[in-house]
N, C-alpha and C. Protein backbone atom coordinates (compact mmCIF):
# COMPACT_ATOMS: atom_id res chain seq x y z
N UNK A 1 0.80 -0.97 -0.04
CA UNK A 1 -0.24 -0.01 0.13
C UNK A 1 0.94 0.94 -0.21
N UNK A 2 0.71 1.90 -0.98
CA UNK A 2 1.41 2.97 -0.99
C UNK A 2 0.80 4.26 0.21
N UNK A 3 2.01 5.13 0.70
CA UNK A 3 1.71 5.88 1.74
C UNK A 3 0.58 7.09 1.28
N UNK A 4 0.36 7.47 0.22
CA UNK A 4 -0.34 8.25 -0.38
C UNK A 4 -1.75 7.87 -0.43
N UNK A 5 -2.12 6.65 -0.53
CA UNK A 5 -3.63 6.03 -0.60
C UNK A 5 -4.45 6.24 0.63
N UNK A 6 -3.41 6.37 1.72
CA UNK A 6 -4.45 6.10 3.08
C UNK A 6 -3.68 7.44 3.75
N UNK A 7 -4.41 8.44 4.28
CA UNK A 7 -2.97 9.04 5.02
C UNK A 7 -4.69 9.25 6.06
N UNK A 8 -3.54 9.59 7.34
CA UNK A 8 -5.22 10.01 9.07
C UNK A 8 -3.99 10.46 9.49
N UNK A 9 -5.17 11.93 10.12
CA UNK A 9 -4.52 12.50 10.97
C UNK A 9 -4.88 11.65 12.79
N UNK A 10 -4.31 12.02 13.40
CA UNK A 10 -4.50 11.29 14.87
C UNK A 10 -6.01 10.91 15.19
N UNK A 11 -7.14 11.71 15.33
CA UNK A 11 -8.24 11.97 15.63
C UNK A 11 -9.23 11.30 14.77
N UNK A 12 -9.32 10.77 13.52
CA UNK A 12 -9.28 10.64 12.25
C UNK A 12 -9.67 9.06 12.58
N UNK A 13 -10.89 8.22 11.74
CA UNK A 13 -10.75 6.70 11.90
C UNK A 13 -10.91 6.81 10.58
N UNK A 14 -10.46 5.42 9.92
CA UNK A 14 -10.67 4.65 8.42
C UNK A 14 -11.83 3.95 8.93
N UNK A 15 -12.85 3.61 7.86
CA UNK A 15 -14.17 2.81 8.00
C UNK A 15 -14.21 1.74 7.11
N UNK A 16 -14.33 0.37 7.11
CA UNK A 16 -14.56 -0.05 6.29
C UNK A 16 -15.85 -1.15 6.08
N UNK A 17 -16.43 -0.93 5.51
CA UNK A 17 -17.37 -1.60 5.57
C UNK A 17 -17.98 -3.11 5.03
N UNK A 18 -18.38 -4.08 5.45
CA UNK A 18 -18.28 -5.56 4.88
C UNK A 18 -19.60 -6.10 5.08
N UNK A 19 -20.46 -6.10 4.31
CA UNK A 19 -22.23 -6.45 4.59
C UNK A 19 -22.46 -7.71 5.16
N UNK A 20 -21.50 -8.55 5.63
CA UNK A 20 -21.66 -9.84 6.68
C UNK A 20 -20.35 -10.23 6.81
N UNK A 21 -20.02 -11.31 7.68
CA UNK A 21 -18.83 -11.63 8.15
C UNK A 21 -17.93 -12.59 7.18
N UNK A 22 -16.86 -12.49 6.51
CA UNK A 22 -15.90 -13.39 6.05
C UNK A 22 -15.78 -12.09 4.76
N UNK A 23 -16.68 -11.38 4.44
CA UNK A 23 -16.71 -10.27 3.15
C UNK A 23 -15.25 -9.37 3.34
N UNK A 24 -14.66 -8.97 4.40
CA UNK A 24 -13.83 -8.31 5.01
C UNK A 24 -12.92 -8.51 4.62
N UNK A 25 -12.66 -10.17 5.13
CA UNK A 25 -10.99 -11.11 5.02
C UNK A 25 -10.88 -11.02 2.91
N UNK A 26 -12.18 -11.51 2.56
CA UNK A 26 -12.10 -12.03 1.33
C UNK A 26 -11.79 -10.41 0.21
N UNK A 27 -12.20 -9.22 0.38
CA UNK A 27 -12.55 -8.01 -0.03
C UNK A 27 -11.03 -7.23 -0.01
N UNK A 28 -10.68 -7.43 1.37
CA UNK A 28 -10.04 -6.13 1.81
C UNK A 28 -8.52 -6.34 3.44
N UNK A 29 -8.40 -7.60 2.85
CA UNK A 29 -8.08 -8.71 4.06
C UNK A 29 -6.53 -8.02 3.66
N UNK A 30 -5.64 -7.84 2.20
CA UNK A 30 -4.43 -6.98 2.96
C UNK A 30 -4.75 -5.74 3.16
N UNK A 31 -5.53 -5.19 3.07
CA UNK A 31 -5.55 -3.67 2.94
C UNK A 31 -5.66 -3.96 4.69
N UNK A 32 -6.66 -4.38 5.28
CA UNK A 32 -6.43 -4.41 6.96
C UNK A 32 -5.19 -5.04 7.51
N UNK A 33 -4.77 -5.95 6.24
CA UNK A 33 -3.29 -5.87 7.74
C UNK A 33 -2.54 -4.75 7.26
N UNK A 34 -2.46 -3.67 6.03
CA UNK A 34 -1.49 -2.54 5.91
C UNK A 34 -2.42 -1.78 7.28
N UNK A 35 -3.37 -1.51 7.30
CA UNK A 35 -3.92 -0.55 8.28
C UNK A 35 -3.49 -0.76 9.87
N UNK A 36 -3.17 -1.64 10.57
CA UNK A 36 -3.19 -2.93 11.63
C UNK A 36 -2.48 -1.39 12.98
N UNK A 37 -1.64 -0.58 12.21
CA UNK A 37 -1.26 0.38 12.74
C UNK A 37 -1.98 1.94 13.14
N UNK A 38 -2.96 1.43 12.29
CA UNK A 38 -4.01 3.34 11.93
C UNK A 38 -5.51 2.73 13.47
N UNK A 39 -5.91 3.87 12.89
CA UNK A 39 -7.28 3.79 13.67
C UNK A 39 -8.52 3.46 12.79
N UNK A 40 -9.06 2.25 13.20
CA UNK A 40 -9.74 1.84 12.07
C UNK A 40 -11.04 0.77 12.72
N UNK A 41 -12.14 1.05 12.02
CA UNK A 41 -12.92 -0.16 12.44
C UNK A 41 -13.63 -0.84 11.37
N UNK A 42 -13.63 -1.87 11.25
CA UNK A 42 -14.68 -2.75 10.69
C UNK A 42 -15.60 -3.27 10.79
N UNK A 43 -17.27 -2.45 10.18
CA UNK A 43 -18.47 -2.40 10.59
C UNK A 43 -19.24 -3.91 9.69
N UNK A 44 -19.60 -4.17 10.30
CA UNK A 44 -20.39 -5.16 9.47
C UNK A 44 -21.67 -5.12 9.44
N UNK A 45 -22.09 -5.07 8.59
CA UNK A 45 -23.78 -4.15 8.11
C UNK A 45 -25.08 -5.32 8.47
N UNK A 46 -24.82 -6.90 8.80
CA UNK A 46 -25.23 -7.64 9.23
C UNK A 46 -25.04 -8.50 9.59
N UNK A 47 -25.89 -9.51 10.66
CA UNK A 47 -25.51 -10.48 11.26
C UNK A 47 -24.99 -11.79 10.77
N UNK A 48 -25.37 -11.63 9.40
CA UNK A 48 -24.57 -12.67 8.88
C UNK A 48 -25.12 -14.14 8.81
N UNK A 49 -26.33 -14.37 9.67
CA UNK A 49 -26.93 -15.43 10.16
C UNK A 49 -27.48 -16.14 9.32
N UNK A 50 -27.44 -15.50 8.13
CA UNK A 50 -27.40 -16.77 6.66
C UNK A 50 -26.44 -17.62 6.83
N UNK A 51 -25.52 -17.56 7.00
CA UNK A 51 -24.58 -18.16 6.62
C UNK A 51 -24.18 -19.36 8.06
N UNK A 52 -24.91 -19.17 8.83
CA UNK A 52 -24.39 -19.96 10.14
C UNK A 52 -25.43 -19.11 11.39
N UNK A 53 -24.93 -19.79 12.43
CA UNK A 53 -24.97 -19.65 13.93
C UNK A 53 -24.59 -17.73 13.85
N UNK A 54 -25.24 -16.80 14.11
CA UNK A 54 -24.63 -15.02 14.26
C UNK A 54 -23.43 -15.11 15.43
N UNK A 55 -23.80 -15.84 16.50
CA UNK A 55 -22.91 -15.41 17.61
C UNK A 55 -21.47 -15.91 17.06
N UNK A 56 -21.45 -17.59 16.45
CA UNK A 56 -20.45 -18.13 15.85
C UNK A 56 -19.48 -16.87 14.59
N UNK A 57 -20.73 -16.25 14.12
CA UNK A 57 -19.90 -15.88 12.75
C UNK A 57 -19.01 -14.50 13.67
N UNK A 58 -19.68 -14.06 14.14
CA UNK A 58 -19.00 -12.71 14.93
C UNK A 58 -17.69 -12.99 15.76
N UNK A 59 -17.81 -14.28 16.48
CA UNK A 59 -16.56 -14.56 17.13
C UNK A 59 -15.21 -14.87 16.12
N UNK A 60 -16.06 -15.37 15.13
CA UNK A 60 -14.83 -16.07 14.15
C UNK A 60 -14.04 -14.72 13.23
N UNK A 61 -15.08 -13.31 13.18
CA UNK A 61 -15.21 -12.36 12.17
C UNK A 61 -13.59 -11.48 13.27
N UNK A 62 -14.33 -11.74 14.52
CA UNK A 62 -13.06 -10.76 15.73
C UNK A 62 -11.67 -11.49 15.77
N UNK A 63 -11.61 -12.78 15.48
CA UNK A 63 -10.49 -13.64 15.82
C UNK A 63 -9.38 -13.46 14.26
N UNK A 64 -10.41 -13.47 12.97
CA UNK A 64 -9.68 -13.39 11.79
C UNK A 64 -9.34 -12.15 11.78
N UNK A 65 -9.58 -10.94 12.70
CA UNK A 65 -9.07 -9.69 12.50
C UNK A 65 -8.12 -9.48 13.58
N UNK A 66 -8.00 -10.49 14.45
CA UNK A 66 -7.30 -10.56 15.76
C UNK A 66 -5.33 -10.46 14.85
N UNK A 67 -6.10 -12.20 13.53
CA UNK A 67 -5.32 -12.76 13.45
C UNK A 67 -4.41 -11.52 12.24
N UNK A 68 -4.57 -10.76 11.63
CA UNK A 68 -4.70 -9.84 10.50
C UNK A 68 -4.00 -8.64 11.20
N UNK A 69 -4.12 -8.37 12.30
CA UNK A 69 -3.90 -6.68 12.83
C UNK A 69 -3.06 -6.96 14.57
N UNK A 70 -3.84 -7.92 14.66
CA UNK A 70 -3.71 -8.07 16.28
C UNK A 70 -4.47 -7.36 17.38
N UNK A 71 -5.59 -6.47 16.75
CA UNK A 71 -6.31 -5.91 17.47
C UNK A 71 -7.63 -6.64 17.23
N UNK A 72 -7.95 -6.86 18.94
CA UNK A 72 -9.57 -7.63 18.79
C UNK A 72 -10.80 -6.68 19.05
N UNK A 73 -10.64 -5.09 19.21
CA UNK A 73 -11.35 -4.51 19.56
C UNK A 73 -11.94 -3.00 18.72
N UNK A 74 -11.96 -3.71 17.27
CA UNK A 74 -11.92 -2.65 16.01
C UNK A 74 -13.03 -2.90 15.10
N UNK A 75 -13.75 -4.33 15.84
CA UNK A 75 -14.73 -4.82 14.75
C UNK A 75 -16.28 -3.88 15.73
N UNK A 76 -17.21 -3.46 14.91
CA UNK A 76 -18.41 -3.10 15.34
C UNK A 76 -19.98 -4.06 14.13
N UNK A 77 -20.45 -4.42 14.87
CA UNK A 77 -21.73 -5.41 14.27
C UNK A 77 -23.06 -4.48 14.80
N UNK A 78 -23.72 -4.09 12.87
CA UNK A 78 -24.83 -2.88 13.22
C UNK A 78 -25.88 -3.64 12.94
N UNK A 79 -26.08 -5.16 13.13
CA UNK A 79 -26.95 -5.93 12.39
C UNK A 79 -28.21 -5.64 11.96
N UNK A 80 -27.93 -5.31 10.87
CA UNK A 80 -29.09 -4.41 9.87
C UNK A 80 -30.39 -5.74 9.29
N UNK A 81 -31.21 -5.39 9.21
CA UNK A 81 -32.36 -6.62 8.99
C UNK A 81 -32.38 -7.57 8.03
N UNK A 82 -31.80 -6.93 6.87
CA UNK A 82 -31.39 -7.29 5.17
C UNK A 82 -31.84 -8.86 5.27
N UNK A 83 -30.86 -9.44 5.80
CA UNK A 83 -31.48 -11.21 5.90
C UNK A 83 -31.52 -11.83 6.86
N UNK A 84 -32.44 -10.93 7.82
CA UNK A 84 -32.90 -12.08 8.66
C UNK A 84 -33.86 -13.04 8.66
N UNK A 85 -34.72 -12.56 8.16
CA UNK A 85 -36.32 -13.51 7.85
C UNK A 85 -36.30 -13.62 6.51
N UNK A 86 -36.28 -12.74 6.06
CA UNK A 86 -36.30 -13.21 4.38
C UNK A 86 -35.92 -11.79 3.19
N UNK A 87 -35.32 -11.86 2.15
CA UNK A 87 -34.94 -10.34 1.73
C UNK A 87 -35.77 -9.60 1.61
N UNK A 88 -35.25 -8.24 1.79
CA UNK A 88 -35.93 -7.13 1.88
C UNK A 88 -35.52 -5.75 1.53
N UNK A 89 -36.31 -5.00 0.88
CA UNK A 89 -36.00 -3.63 0.81
C UNK A 89 -35.02 -2.50 1.81
N UNK A 90 -34.40 -2.09 1.65
CA UNK A 90 -34.19 -0.82 2.93
C UNK A 90 -35.52 0.12 2.94
N UNK A 91 -35.66 0.23 4.57
CA UNK A 91 -36.41 1.43 5.09
C UNK A 91 -35.85 2.53 5.80
N UNK A 92 -36.51 3.25 6.24
CA UNK A 92 -36.16 4.83 6.34
C UNK A 92 -35.63 4.69 7.62
N UNK A 93 -36.35 3.58 8.69
CA UNK A 93 -35.82 3.26 9.73
C UNK A 93 -34.48 2.59 9.39
N UNK A 94 -34.10 2.06 8.69
CA UNK A 94 -32.49 1.56 8.23
C UNK A 94 -32.09 2.58 8.35
N UNK A 95 -32.08 3.83 7.32
CA UNK A 95 -31.34 5.05 7.00
C UNK A 95 -31.43 5.96 8.50
N UNK A 96 -31.90 5.96 9.16
CA UNK A 96 -32.20 6.86 10.18
C UNK A 96 -31.08 5.75 11.23
N UNK A 97 -31.22 4.40 11.74
CA UNK A 97 -30.19 3.79 12.18
C UNK A 97 -28.90 3.97 11.63
N UNK A 98 -28.19 4.39 10.46
CA UNK A 98 -27.32 4.31 9.92
C UNK A 98 -26.72 5.54 9.97
N UNK A 99 -27.79 6.57 9.62
CA UNK A 99 -27.07 7.72 9.94
C UNK A 99 -26.16 8.16 11.57
N UNK A 100 -27.65 7.46 12.48
CA UNK A 100 -27.59 8.34 13.91
C UNK A 100 -25.96 7.07 14.08
N UNK A 101 -25.35 6.02 13.29
CA UNK A 101 -24.12 5.49 13.97
C UNK A 101 -23.31 6.17 13.14
N UNK A 102 -23.49 6.61 11.62
CA UNK A 102 -22.52 7.55 11.19
C UNK A 102 -21.77 8.68 12.27
N UNK A 103 -22.74 9.00 12.86
CA UNK A 103 -22.79 10.50 13.26
C UNK A 103 -21.27 9.73 14.77
N UNK A 104 -21.77 8.91 15.21
CA UNK A 104 -20.71 8.65 16.27
C UNK A 104 -19.27 8.74 15.87
N UNK A 105 -19.13 8.92 14.54
CA UNK A 105 -17.52 8.96 14.19
C UNK A 105 -17.26 10.30 14.08
N UNK A 106 -16.44 11.24 14.46
CA UNK A 106 -16.08 12.60 14.63
C UNK A 106 -15.43 12.99 13.48
N UNK A 107 -14.64 12.20 13.01
CA UNK A 107 -13.62 12.71 11.99
C UNK A 107 -13.60 11.43 10.97
N UNK A 108 -13.77 11.55 10.39
CA UNK A 108 -13.61 9.94 9.32
C UNK A 108 -12.63 10.68 8.00
N UNK A 109 -11.44 9.74 7.88
CA UNK A 109 -10.24 9.93 6.35
C UNK A 109 -10.57 9.19 5.22
N UNK A 110 -10.96 7.98 6.21
CA UNK A 110 -11.45 6.57 4.83
C UNK A 110 -12.63 6.04 4.89
N UNK A 111 -13.47 5.76 3.08
CA UNK A 111 -14.31 4.63 3.73
C UNK A 111 -14.08 3.55 2.71
N UNK A 112 -13.92 2.34 3.06
CA UNK A 112 -13.61 1.49 2.22
C UNK A 112 -15.12 0.67 2.36
N UNK A 113 -15.22 0.25 0.75
CA UNK A 113 -16.73 -1.17 1.17
C UNK A 113 -16.38 -2.37 0.24
N UNK A 114 -16.24 -3.70 1.30
CA UNK A 114 -16.03 -4.84 0.43
C UNK A 114 -17.61 -4.96 -0.14
N UNK A 115 -17.29 -5.48 -1.15
CA UNK A 115 -18.50 -5.87 -2.51
C UNK A 115 -18.54 -7.26 -2.94
N UNK A 116 -19.41 -8.15 -3.24
CA UNK A 116 -19.36 -9.05 -4.53
C UNK A 116 -20.34 -9.07 -5.58
N UNK A 117 -20.26 -8.25 -6.29
CA UNK A 117 -21.13 -8.02 -7.55
C UNK A 117 -22.16 -9.04 -7.82
N UNK A 118 -21.19 -10.50 -7.07
CA UNK A 118 -22.13 -11.74 -8.18
C UNK A 118 -22.63 -12.07 -6.63
N UNK A 119 -22.60 -11.90 -5.55
CA UNK A 119 -23.66 -12.13 -4.46
C UNK A 119 -25.07 -11.99 -4.53
N UNK A 120 -25.52 -13.81 -4.09
CA UNK A 120 -26.96 -13.68 -4.83
C UNK A 120 -27.68 -12.99 -3.61
N UNK A 121 -26.93 -12.42 -2.36
CA UNK A 121 -27.96 -11.81 -1.62
C UNK A 121 -28.20 -10.35 -1.71
N UNK A 122 -27.28 -9.61 -3.33
CA UNK A 122 -27.53 -8.54 -3.03
C UNK A 122 -29.18 -8.06 -3.23
């Protein structure tokens, strides 16, 4: 990673968004490893329970990030309900929740989004 790609001032945070657990490693694993000395958060948008037990998946995500970075406190699980019971469109409540969560971050230096364009859950 070239230094010029990611610059950060002390009180800024880098956000990495992942639809669910495992997408962050598949889509941004090398980047996450290179960010290990910076202030960053990995945000999982859904519980990922469509791929198994959500508590197990959360712990696996934390363990994976710890292997990549040595940190276990950088994961946030927003648990948006997109995959909970059946696929559904976003609601205004989802956007209000996301806006509230974003406002918790005072300064954001970079945002990365992990995505699989062939994901059948899109």
